[in-house]
PDB file of all heavy atoms in Angstrom:
ATOM      1  N   ARG A   1      27.444  34.311  69.627  1.00  0.00           N
ATOM      2  CA  ARG A   1      26.653  35.337  69.010  1.00  0.00           C
ATOM      3  C   ARG A   1      27.485  36.635  68.920  1.00  0.00           C
ATOM      4  O   ARG A   1      27.542  37.313  67.855  1.00  0.00           O
ATOM      5  CB  ARG A   1      25.407  35.659  69.806  1.00  0.00           C
ATOM      6  CG  ARG A   1      24.309  34.615  69.638  1.00  0.00           C
ATOM      7  CD  ARG A   1      23.102  35.019  70.437  1.00  0.00           C
ATOM      8  NE  ARG A   1      22.116  33.966  70.487  1.00  0.00           N
ATOM      9  CZ  ARG A   1      21.022  33.976  71.252  1.00  0.00           C
ATOM     10  NH1 ARG A   1      20.761  35.069  72.030  1.00  0.00           N
ATOM     11  NH2 ARG A   1      20.165  32.973  71.229  1.00  0.00           N
ATOM     12  N   ALA A   2      28.194  36.978  69.959  1.00  0.00           N
ATOM     13  CA  ALA A   2      28.996  38.256  70.038  1.00  0.00           C
ATOM     14  C   ALA A   2      30.109  38.122  68.946  1.00  0.00           C
ATOM     15  O   ALA A   2      30.283  39.118  68.210  1.00  0.00           O
ATOM     16  CB  ALA A   2      29.578  38.439  71.403  1.00  0.00           C
ATOM     17  N   PHE A   3      30.801  37.036  68.882  1.00  0.00           N
ATOM     18  CA  PHE A   3      31.882  36.909  67.900  1.00  0.00           C
ATOM     19  C   PHE A   3      31.371  36.872  66.476  1.00  0.00           C
ATOM     20  O   PHE A   3      32.034  37.394  65.573  1.00  0.00           O
ATOM     21  CB  PHE A   3      32.716  35.627  68.224  1.00  0.00           C
ATOM     22  CG  PHE A   3      33.481  35.729  69.500  1.00  0.00           C
ATOM     23  CD1 PHE A   3      33.502  34.691  70.450  1.00  0.00           C
ATOM     24  CD2 PHE A   3      34.180  36.893  69.885  1.00  0.00           C
ATOM     25  CE1 PHE A   3      34.159  34.800  71.637  1.00  0.00           C
ATOM     26  CE2 PHE A   3      34.846  36.959  71.049  1.00  0.00           C
ATOM     27  CZ  PHE A   3      34.820  35.945  71.967  1.00  0.00           C
ATOM     28  N   GLU A   4      30.169  36.259  66.223  1.00  0.00           N
ATOM     29  CA  GLU A   4      29.574  36.336  64.920  1.00  0.00           C
ATOM     30  C   GLU A   4      29.309  37.742  64.492  1.00  0.00           C
ATOM     31  O   GLU A   4      29.551  38.144  63.316  1.00  0.00           O
ATOM     32  CB  GLU A   4      28.271  35.506  64.906  1.00  0.00           C
ATOM     33  CG  GLU A   4      28.449  33.940  64.854  1.00  0.00           C
ATOM     34  CD  GLU A   4      27.193  33.287  65.010  1.00  0.00           C
ATOM     35  OE1 GLU A   4      26.104  33.883  64.958  1.00  0.00           O
ATOM     36  OE2 GLU A   4      27.226  32.009  65.287  1.00  0.00           O
ATOM     37  N   VAL A   5      28.746  38.539  65.411  1.00  0.00           N
ATOM     38  CA  VAL A   5      28.462  39.912  65.098  1.00  0.00           C
ATOM     39  C   VAL A   5      29.722  40.685  64.750  1.00  0.00           C
ATOM     40  O   VAL A   5      29.760  41.463  63.764  1.00  0.00           O
ATOM     41  CB  VAL A   5      27.730  40.589  66.318  1.00  0.00           C
ATOM     42  CG1 VAL A   5      27.678  42.102  66.139  1.00  0.00           C
ATOM     43  CG2 VAL A   5      26.329  40.050  66.451  1.00  0.00           C
ATOM     44  N   LEU A   6      30.789  40.490  65.542  1.00  0.00           N
ATOM     45  CA  LEU A   6      32.089  41.185  65.305  1.00  0.00           C
ATOM     46  C   LEU A   6      32.646  40.756  63.920  1.00  0.00           C
ATOM     47  O   LEU A   6      33.147  41.628  63.203  1.00  0.00           O
ATOM     48  CB  LEU A   6      33.041  40.809  66.409  1.00  0.00           C
ATOM     49  CG  LEU A   6      32.732  41.491  67.762  1.00  0.00           C
ATOM     50  CD1 LEU A   6      33.598  40.846  68.891  1.00  0.00           C
ATOM     51  CD2 LEU A   6      32.929  42.953  67.712  1.00  0.00           C
ATOM     52  N   GLU A   7      32.508  39.515  63.566  1.00  0.00           N
ATOM     53  CA  GLU A   7      33.053  39.072  62.237  1.00  0.00           C
ATOM     54  C   GLU A   7      32.272  39.648  61.099  1.00  0.00           C
ATOM     55  O   GLU A   7      32.882  40.093  60.153  1.00  0.00           O
ATOM     56  CB  GLU A   7      32.993  37.499  62.223  1.00  0.00           C
ATOM     57  CG  GLU A   7      34.060  36.817  63.066  1.00  0.00           C
ATOM     58  CD  GLU A   7      35.471  37.217  62.671  1.00  0.00           C
ATOM     59  OE1 GLU A   7      35.797  37.261  61.412  1.00  0.00           O
ATOM     60  OE2 GLU A   7      36.275  37.571  63.579  1.00  0.00           O
ATOM     61  N   ILE A   8      30.946  39.715  61.250  1.00  0.00           N
ATOM     62  CA  ILE A   8      30.110  40.317  60.182  1.00  0.00           C
ATOM     63  C   ILE A   8      30.445  41.851  60.047  1.00  0.00           C
ATOM     64  O   ILE A   8      30.552  42.328  58.963  1.00  0.00           O
ATOM     65  CB  ILE A   8      28.615  40.119  60.435  1.00  0.00           C
ATOM     66  CG1 ILE A   8      28.259  38.620  60.457  1.00  0.00           C
ATOM     67  CG2 ILE A   8      27.778  40.841  59.415  1.00  0.00           C
ATOM     68  CD1 ILE A   8      26.812  38.323  60.997  1.00  0.00           C
ATOM     69  N   PHE A   9      30.624  42.457  61.154  1.00  0.00           N
ATOM     70  CA  PHE A   9      30.941  43.890  61.202  1.00  0.00           C
ATOM     71  C   PHE A   9      32.241  44.184  60.447  1.00  0.00           C
ATOM     72  O   PHE A   9      32.329  45.166  59.706  1.00  0.00           O
ATOM     73  CB  PHE A   9      31.069  44.409  62.607  1.00  0.00           C
ATOM     74  CG  PHE A   9      31.531  45.835  62.801  1.00  0.00           C
ATOM     75  CD1 PHE A   9      30.710  46.857  62.517  1.00  0.00           C
ATOM     76  CD2 PHE A   9      32.823  46.120  63.170  1.00  0.00           C
ATOM     77  CE1 PHE A   9      31.108  48.173  62.615  1.00  0.00           C
ATOM     78  CE2 PHE A   9      33.279  47.400  63.282  1.00  0.00           C
ATOM     79  CZ  PHE A   9      32.414  48.424  63.024  1.00  0.00           C
ATOM     80  N   LYS A  10      33.198  43.333  60.668  1.00  0.00           N
ATOM     81  CA  LYS A  10      34.537  43.510  59.950  1.00  0.00           C
ATOM     82  C   LYS A  10      34.386  43.416  58.465  1.00  0.00           C
ATOM     83  O   LYS A  10      35.080  44.108  57.667  1.00  0.00           O
ATOM     84  CB  LYS A  10      35.550  42.543  60.482  1.00  0.00           C
ATOM     85  CG  LYS A  10      35.986  42.801  61.953  1.00  0.00           C
ATOM     86  CD  LYS A  10      36.846  41.648  62.422  1.00  0.00           C
ATOM     87  CE  LYS A  10      37.220  41.859  63.909  1.00  0.00           C
ATOM     88  NZ  LYS A  10      37.958  40.708  64.471  1.00  0.00           N
ATOM     89  N   ARG A  11      33.445  42.585  57.961  1.00  0.00           N
ATOM     90  CA  ARG A  11      33.298  42.347  56.498  1.00  0.00           C
ATOM     91  C   ARG A  11      32.452  43.373  55.857  1.00  0.00           C
ATOM     92  O   ARG A  11      32.643  43.686  54.693  1.00  0.00           O
ATOM     93  CB  ARG A  11      32.748  40.958  56.253  1.00  0.00           C
ATOM     94  CG  ARG A  11      33.621  39.789  56.734  1.00  0.00           C
ATOM     95  CD  ARG A  11      33.139  38.469  56.024  1.00  0.00           C
ATOM     96  NE  ARG A  11      31.738  38.245  56.174  1.00  0.00           N
ATOM     97  CZ  ARG A  11      31.147  37.558  57.163  1.00  0.00           C
ATOM     98  NH1 ARG A  11      31.957  36.998  58.148  1.00  0.00           N
ATOM     99  NH2 ARG A  11      29.881  37.364  57.183  1.00  0.00           N
ATOM    100  N   LYS A  12      31.424  43.850  56.517  1.00  0.00           N
ATOM    101  CA  LYS A  12      30.428  44.751  55.869  1.00  0.00           C
ATOM    102  C   LYS A  12      30.865  46.257  55.920  1.00  0.00           C
ATOM    103  O   LYS A  12      31.699  46.612  56.739  1.00  0.00           O
ATOM    104  CB  LYS A  12      29.075  44.656  56.562  1.00  0.00           C
ATOM    105  CG  LYS A  12      28.502  43.227  56.583  1.00  0.00           C
ATOM    106  CD  LYS A  12      28.000  42.842  55.264  1.00  0.00           C
ATOM    107  CE  LYS A  12      27.351  41.441  55.273  1.00  0.00           C
ATOM    108  NZ  LYS A  12      26.855  41.029  53.924  1.00  0.00           N
ATOM    109  N   ARG A  13      30.332  47.014  55.031  1.00  0.00           N
ATOM    110  CA  ARG A  13      30.634  48.404  54.980  1.00  0.00           C
ATOM    111  C   ARG A  13      29.425  49.349  55.040  1.00  0.00           C
ATOM    112  O   ARG A  13      29.473  50.428  55.567  1.00  0.00           O
ATOM    113  CB  ARG A  13      31.385  48.694  53.632  1.00  0.00           C
ATOM    114  CG  ARG A  13      32.687  47.949  53.503  1.00  0.00           C
ATOM    115  CD  ARG A  13      33.432  48.376  52.211  1.00  0.00           C
ATOM    116  NE  ARG A  13      33.682  49.759  52.133  1.00  0.00           N
ATOM    117  CZ  ARG A  13      34.761  50.321  52.722  1.00  0.00           C
ATOM    118  NH1 ARG A  13      35.632  49.532  53.430  1.00  0.00           N
ATOM    119  NH2 ARG A  13      35.038  51.601  52.678  1.00  0.00           N
ATOM    120  N   LYS A  14      28.287  48.858  54.533  1.00  0.00           N
ATOM    121  CA  LYS A  14      27.099  49.706  54.485  1.00  0.00           C
ATOM    122  C   LYS A  14      26.338  49.677  55.845  1.00  0.00           C
ATOM    123  O   LYS A  14      26.293  48.655  56.552  1.00  0.00           O
ATOM    124  CB  LYS A  14      26.125  49.179  53.397  1.00  0.00           C
ATOM    125  CG  LYS A  14      24.951  50.024  53.093  1.00  0.00           C
ATOM    126  CD  LYS A  14      24.101  49.400  52.006  1.00  0.00           C
ATOM    127  CE  LYS A  14      22.859  50.193  51.786  1.00  0.00           C
ATOM    128  NZ  LYS A  14      21.966  49.597  50.735  1.00  0.00           N
ATOM    129  N   ALA A  15      25.741  50.804  56.229  1.00  0.00           N
ATOM    130  CA  ALA A  15      24.991  50.889  57.462  1.00  0.00           C
ATOM    131  C   ALA A  15      23.796  49.894  57.409  1.00  0.00           C
ATOM    132  O   ALA A  15      23.012  49.917  56.459  1.00  0.00           O
ATOM    133  CB  ALA A  15      24.441  52.312  57.665  1.00  0.00           C
ATOM    134  N   GLN A  16      23.719  49.044  58.405  1.00  0.00           N
ATOM    135  CA  GLN A  16      22.699  47.981  58.392  1.00  0.00           C
ATOM    136  C   GLN A  16      22.626  47.297  59.760  1.00  0.00           C
ATOM    137  O   GLN A  16      23.473  47.448  60.614  1.00  0.00           O
ATOM    138  CB  GLN A  16      23.009  46.938  57.390  1.00  0.00           C
ATOM    139  CG  GLN A  16      24.400  46.270  57.587  1.00  0.00           C
ATOM    140  CD  GLN A  16      24.856  45.363  56.448  1.00  0.00           C
ATOM    141  OE1 GLN A  16      24.430  44.260  56.336  1.00  0.00           O
ATOM    142  NE2 GLN A  16      25.710  45.962  55.596  1.00  0.00           N
ATOM    143  N   ILE A  17      21.533  46.549  59.949  1.00  0.00           N
ATOM    144  CA  ILE A  17      21.370  45.788  61.208  1.00  0.00           C
ATOM    145  C   ILE A  17      22.210  44.511  61.119  1.00  0.00           C
ATOM    146  O   ILE A  17      22.273  43.864  60.092  1.00  0.00           O
ATOM    147  CB  ILE A  17      19.907  45.482  61.501  1.00  0.00           C
ATOM    148  CG1 ILE A  17      19.720  44.843  62.899  1.00  0.00           C
ATOM    149  CG2 ILE A  17      19.331  44.568  60.369  1.00  0.00           C
ATOM    150  CD1 ILE A  17      18.303  44.772  63.296  1.00  0.00           C
ATOM    151  N   LEU A  18      22.879  44.164  62.236  1.00  0.00           N
ATOM    152  CA  LEU A  18      23.793  42.999  62.342  1.00  0.00           C
ATOM    153  C   LEU A  18      23.161  41.987  63.243  1.00  0.00           C
ATOM    154  O   LEU A  18      23.410  40.778  63.095  1.00  0.00           O
ATOM    155  CB  LEU A  18      25.185  43.376  62.748  1.00  0.00           C
ATOM    156  CG  LEU A  18      25.884  44.450  61.950  1.00  0.00           C
ATOM    157  CD1 LEU A  18      27.232  44.684  62.554  1.00  0.00           C
ATOM    158  CD2 LEU A  18      26.027  44.005  60.480  1.00  0.00           C
ATOM    159  N   TYR A  19      22.404  42.377  64.228  1.00  0.00           N
ATOM    160  CA  TYR A  19      21.896  41.494  65.220  1.00  0.00           C
ATOM    161  C   TYR A  19      20.561  42.004  65.746  1.00  0.00           C
ATOM    162  O   TYR A  19      20.444  43.189  66.122  1.00  0.00           O
ATOM    163  CB  TYR A  19      22.876  41.361  66.427  1.00  0.00           C
ATOM    164  CG  TYR A  19      22.278  40.588  67.629  1.00  0.00           C
ATOM    165  CD1 TYR A  19      22.298  39.164  67.610  1.00  0.00           C
ATOM    166  CD2 TYR A  19      21.833  41.218  68.729  1.00  0.00           C
ATOM    167  CE1 TYR A  19      21.779  38.482  68.673  1.00  0.00           C
ATOM    168  CE2 TYR A  19      21.326  40.531  69.812  1.00  0.00           C
ATOM    169  CZ  TYR A  19      21.311  39.167  69.836  1.00  0.00           C
ATOM    170  OH  TYR A  19      20.832  38.469  70.856  1.00  0.00           O
ATOM    171  N   LYS A  20      19.546  41.233  65.662  1.00  0.00           N
ATOM    172  CA  LYS A  20      18.176  41.620  66.094  1.00  0.00           C
ATOM    173  C   LYS A  20      17.823  40.882  67.374  1.00  0.00           C
ATOM    174  O   LYS A  20      18.066  39.663  67.461  1.00  0.00           O
ATOM    175  CB  LYS A  20      17.205  41.306  65.023  1.00  0.00           C
ATOM    176  CG  LYS A  20      15.825  41.907  65.239  1.00  0.00           C
ATOM    177  CD  LYS A  20      14.935  41.659  63.978  1.00  0.00           C
ATOM    178  CE  LYS A  20      13.516  42.127  64.228  1.00  0.00           C
ATOM    179  NZ  LYS A  20      13.372  43.585  64.429  1.00  0.00           N
ATOM    180  N   GLU A  21      17.253  41.564  68.350  1.00  0.00           N
ATOM    181  CA  GLU A  21      16.773  40.952  69.500  1.00  0.00           C
ATOM    182  C   GLU A  21      15.766  39.834  69.162  1.00  0.00           C
ATOM    183  O   GLU A  21      15.173  39.858  68.113  1.00  0.00           O
ATOM    184  CB  GLU A  21      16.108  41.968  70.461  1.00  0.00           C
ATOM    185  CG  GLU A  21      17.089  42.570  71.406  1.00  0.00           C
ATOM    186  CD  GLU A  21      17.300  41.692  72.630  1.00  0.00           C
ATOM    187  OE1 GLU A  21      16.825  40.561  72.678  1.00  0.00           O
ATOM    188  OE2 GLU A  21      18.064  42.177  73.536  1.00  0.00           O
ATOM    189  N   GLU A  22      15.627  38.862  70.019  1.00  0.00           N
ATOM    190  CA  GLU A  22      14.722  37.760  69.801  1.00  0.00           C
ATOM    191  C   GLU A  22      13.295  38.213  69.549  1.00  0.00           C
ATOM    192  O   GLU A  22      12.918  39.344  69.949  1.00  0.00           O
ATOM    193  CB  GLU A  22      14.711  36.803  71.036  1.00  0.00           C
ATOM    194  CG  GLU A  22      16.113  36.182  71.274  1.00  0.00           C
ATOM    195  CD  GLU A  22      16.171  35.570  72.645  1.00  0.00           C
ATOM    196  OE1 GLU A  22      15.810  36.226  73.637  1.00  0.00           O
ATOM    197  OE2 GLU A  22      16.543  34.390  72.747  1.00  0.00           O
ATOM    198  N   ASN A  23      12.461  37.398  68.901  1.00  0.00           N
ATOM    199  CA  ASN A  23      11.067  37.729  68.677  1.00  0.00           C
ATOM    200  C   ASN A  23      10.392  37.890  70.062  1.00  0.00           C
ATOM    201  O   ASN A  23      10.962  37.526  71.094  1.00  0.00           O
ATOM    202  CB  ASN A  23      10.361  36.747  67.888  1.00  0.00           C
ATOM    203  CG  ASN A  23      10.314  35.324  68.512  1.00  0.00           C
ATOM    204  OD1 ASN A  23      10.005  35.160  69.674  1.00  0.00           O
ATOM    205  ND2 ASN A  23      10.652  34.320  67.664  1.00  0.00           N
ATOM    206  N   LEU A  24       9.205  38.512  70.076  1.00  0.00           N
ATOM    207  CA  LEU A  24       8.513  38.874  71.343  1.00  0.00           C
ATOM    208  C   LEU A  24       8.273  37.683  72.217  1.00  0.00           C
ATOM    209  O   LEU A  24       8.449  37.735  73.412  1.00  0.00           O
ATOM    210  CB  LEU A  24       7.247  39.652  71.050  1.00  0.00           C
ATOM    211  CG  LEU A  24       6.579  40.228  72.261  1.00  0.00           C
ATOM    212  CD1 LEU A  24       7.447  41.155  73.010  1.00  0.00           C
ATOM    213  CD2 LEU A  24       5.241  40.876  71.921  1.00  0.00           C
ATOM    214  N   LEU A  25       7.948  36.513  71.628  1.00  0.00           N
ATOM    215  CA  LEU A  25       7.669  35.341  72.469  1.00  0.00           C
ATOM    216  C   LEU A  25       8.877  34.923  73.246  1.00  0.00           C
ATOM    217  O   LEU A  25       8.820  34.709  74.435  1.00  0.00           O
ATOM    218  CB  LEU A  25       7.204  34.191  71.580  1.00  0.00           C
ATOM    219  CG  LEU A  25       6.896  32.876  72.289  1.00  0.00           C
ATOM    220  CD1 LEU A  25       5.802  33.072  73.350  1.00  0.00           C
ATOM    221  CD2 LEU A  25       6.531  31.715  71.300  1.00  0.00           C
ATOM    222  N   ASP A  26      10.070  34.878  72.580  1.00  0.00           N
ATOM    223  CA  ASP A  26      11.272  34.519  73.266  1.00  0.00           C
ATOM    224  C   ASP A  26      11.654  35.569  74.285  1.00  0.00           C
ATOM    225  O   ASP A  26      12.059  35.226  75.382  1.00  0.00           O
ATOM    226  CB  ASP A  26      12.480  34.351  72.291  1.00  0.00           C
ATOM    227  CG  ASP A  26      12.523  33.010  71.732  1.00  0.00           C
ATOM    228  OD1 ASP A  26      12.708  32.006  72.394  1.00  0.00           O
ATOM    229  OD2 ASP A  26      12.370  32.833  70.366  1.00  0.00           O
ATOM    230  N   TYR A  27      11.437  36.831  73.934  1.00  0.00           N
ATOM    231  CA  TYR A  27      11.775  37.869  74.877  1.00  0.00           C
ATOM    232  C   TYR A  27      10.886  37.763  76.121  1.00  0.00           C
ATOM    233  O   TYR A  27      11.333  37.913  77.260  1.00  0.00           O
ATOM    234  CB  TYR A  27      11.565  39.232  74.200  1.00  0.00           C
ATOM    235  CG  TYR A  27      11.589  40.424  75.153  1.00  0.00           C
ATOM    236  CD1 TYR A  27      12.798  40.955  75.579  1.00  0.00           C
ATOM    237  CD2 TYR A  27      10.447  40.986  75.661  1.00  0.00           C
ATOM    238  CE1 TYR A  27      12.854  42.049  76.474  1.00  0.00           C
ATOM    239  CE2 TYR A  27      10.422  42.044  76.539  1.00  0.00           C
ATOM    240  CZ  TYR A  27      11.656  42.606  76.969  1.00  0.00           C
ATOM    241  OH  TYR A  27      11.690  43.599  77.873  1.00  0.00           O
ATOM    242  N   VAL A  28       9.572  37.564  75.966  1.00  0.00           N
ATOM    243  CA  VAL A  28       8.665  37.462  77.091  1.00  0.00           C
ATOM    244  C   VAL A  28       9.003  36.339  77.957  1.00  0.00           C
ATOM    245  O   VAL A  28       9.029  36.479  79.213  1.00  0.00           O
ATOM    246  CB  VAL A  28       7.180  37.301  76.543  1.00  0.00           C
ATOM    247  CG1 VAL A  28       6.216  36.996  77.721  1.00  0.00           C
ATOM    248  CG2 VAL A  28       6.718  38.528  75.814  1.00  0.00           C
TER     249      VAL A  28
END
């Protein structure tokens, strides 16, 4: 997951979300 985020970050330029925390059920 960490390396995927880093790869996406390198490719993108516009301010945006790259990784979202799990939905509430998974979090709970």
